[in-house]
Amino acid sequence: MLRITELRLPLDHPEDALRHAVVRRLGVADADLLAFTVFRRAYDARKKSAILLIYTIDCEVRDEAAVLAAHPGDPHLKPAPDTRYRFVGHAPADCHAPERPRPLVVGFGPCGIFAALLLAQMGLRPIVLERGKEVRQRTKDTWGLWRQGVLNPDSNVQFGEGGAGTFSDGKLWSQISDPRHLTRKVLTEFVKAGAPEEILFVSKPHIGTFRLVSMVEKMRADIVALGGEIRFGQQVTDVLLEPEGEGLRMRGVTLASGEELRADHVVLALGHSARDTFAMLHGRGVYMEAKPFSVGFRIEHPQGVIDRARFGPNAGNPILGAADYKLVHHAKNGRSVYSFCMCPGGTVVAATSEPERVVTNGMSQYSRNERNANAGIVVGISPQDYRQDGAAGGPVHPLDGMQFQRIWESRAYELGEGGYVAPGQLVGDFVKKQRSRVLGAVQPSYKPGVRMTDLAQPGRESLPVYALDAIREAIPAFERQIAGFAMADAVLTGVETRTSSPLRITRNRQYESLNVRGLYPAGEGAGYAGGIMSAGVDGIEVAEAVARSILGLPADSSPHAVGPSVLQAI
């Protein structure tokens, strides 16, 4: 099998043009091209009137050696890599002895799902503990917040089957380094669970919330069919540890019901909002450290404005779909402002998990046909920015980031005047430093609702002043990249505080906690992922590490063992 990269064709090329282009590129007769498949399809929209599709093609030819010999040193024609997934091992029959504790997976978001699925596929019969509810009941509870202003702290956008990724755009791309093609394993499992096959080849695949619901159910059923067990409404309130050498050893967990489950291998796939669990783990001495994250607002524009700015006369082409964007600005005060989790044709959603706090996030359906585009416009902050003790240097307490988030989420609740209404402001007024009182042409999509105000009112700021100043400077700069971005009637809705985990539960090269043997921090909550794809990949690699330990296989000492270049994804 050969792989061709950077094969460019016009946006509206006829169907048979692709085969002709492959034949020409290979320099073979048509009959010598036995088969080909599209591995990846992207687009180049730098020239809006002449947008090009960029293909990566895997092809089977009659004489591969002759074709390669005819193109020596060609960087865009090489043997296709083997992207098949290979398990590290499988459990023997005696692995299921009653006296042998089963591995536990705490949390059933994307990371926990893939950790549990891989363990089940290797015959290790994991038990999954999820504090929230199964996905359809969870959806009802989440709509209860959006439509009625009623929050269930254990069943919402953050907690429950599918994790926070269920109420998102369902983006399935990432910037992680992936030398083992584990993202292909993630995509393949999603297709098996009901995702459209196009996610295997489009450059920026997405699924959307409604499809994710049924897919999560299918993956749960697969885990159970393979001997796994899923328990909902099971919050872990304590960990059972015992001294071992200079550290500790995992022996099990305690649930809110008081039940104790014995386990020598526990995967922590908590998600970034499990604040009570973070505090419990810190109190038990599990090593963790403060890490950077970002805070900001959601911004909404008419999707048509973004489509025309990005695609010009090709706006609305079904191959291109609803346009997205990715923006970065380095402000004069030293802060970086960037777009985050851009949701074409989507809605801004209430994403809090704690009473009397307001948190925003973005969500889209597969169709991406809502009237507005939205994205987080966020500012990077460091642990020194949010330390709570007022000291000028030294280590920052690992839980300080959580407290910082709570301060601004509570302020947003106050500015919205209760009921989980979010504070908002027109972009034109925000730039001019004046209060907004009425909406313009853009109707905000956030439910339970938006109360217009001044997000930067002195003494009642919705974010730190340095963040407000940086965003105010960035908006005109983004206008120079996306025409219409600074439109006066665009809406800012606050606040976006949970861009990533505020801490990292640090682990070693075998994916175990630095000081607790048998504890495997994983995914976004542990600080090792940033989105569905990177979380799924991390879940796979952690499951492999658990399997090696249980099956007595050599530990993986390869360079990627601390995570899939995970800091690139956060």
Foldseek 3Di string as FASTA:
>chain_A
DKKFWFQKDWPPDDPCVVLVSVCVVLVHDSVFFPDKDWQAWEWDCPPLVTIIITTMMDTHGNDLVVSCVVPDPDPRMGHDDDQDDDAPAADDPCLVPPVAAAEEEEAAALLSLLLLLSCLVRLRAYEYEFQAEQDVVLVVQQVCCFAPLDADLQRYCAGYHHGVCLFAQQKLDFDFFDPNNVSLVVLVLLVVLPADPCVSYYPTDGAFNVSSNSSSVSSVVSSVVSNYHYDYSWAFQAWDWDDDDPFIFGFWTATPVRDTGGDRAYEYADFQPPLNVVVRCVVVPQDKAFWKDKKFWKWKDFQVLQQCQRNNPCRPPVVCAGDWDWDWDQDPVRKIKIWARKQALWAKEFGDSDPQFTAIDIGAHNNSNHGMIMTGTIIMDGLCVQADPPDPDDGGPQSSLVVLLRVLRNLQSVCLVHSNAGEKEFLQCLLVQHWDQDADPDAHRYPPYYGTTRCCPPPSHSHPPVTSVRSSVVQVVVCVSRPPSSPRRIMITDIHRPQFHRMASADDLLQARPRYRNYHYADRNNPQAGHSSQSNSRSNLNSSSVCCVSVVHDGDNDPCSRGRNRVSRD
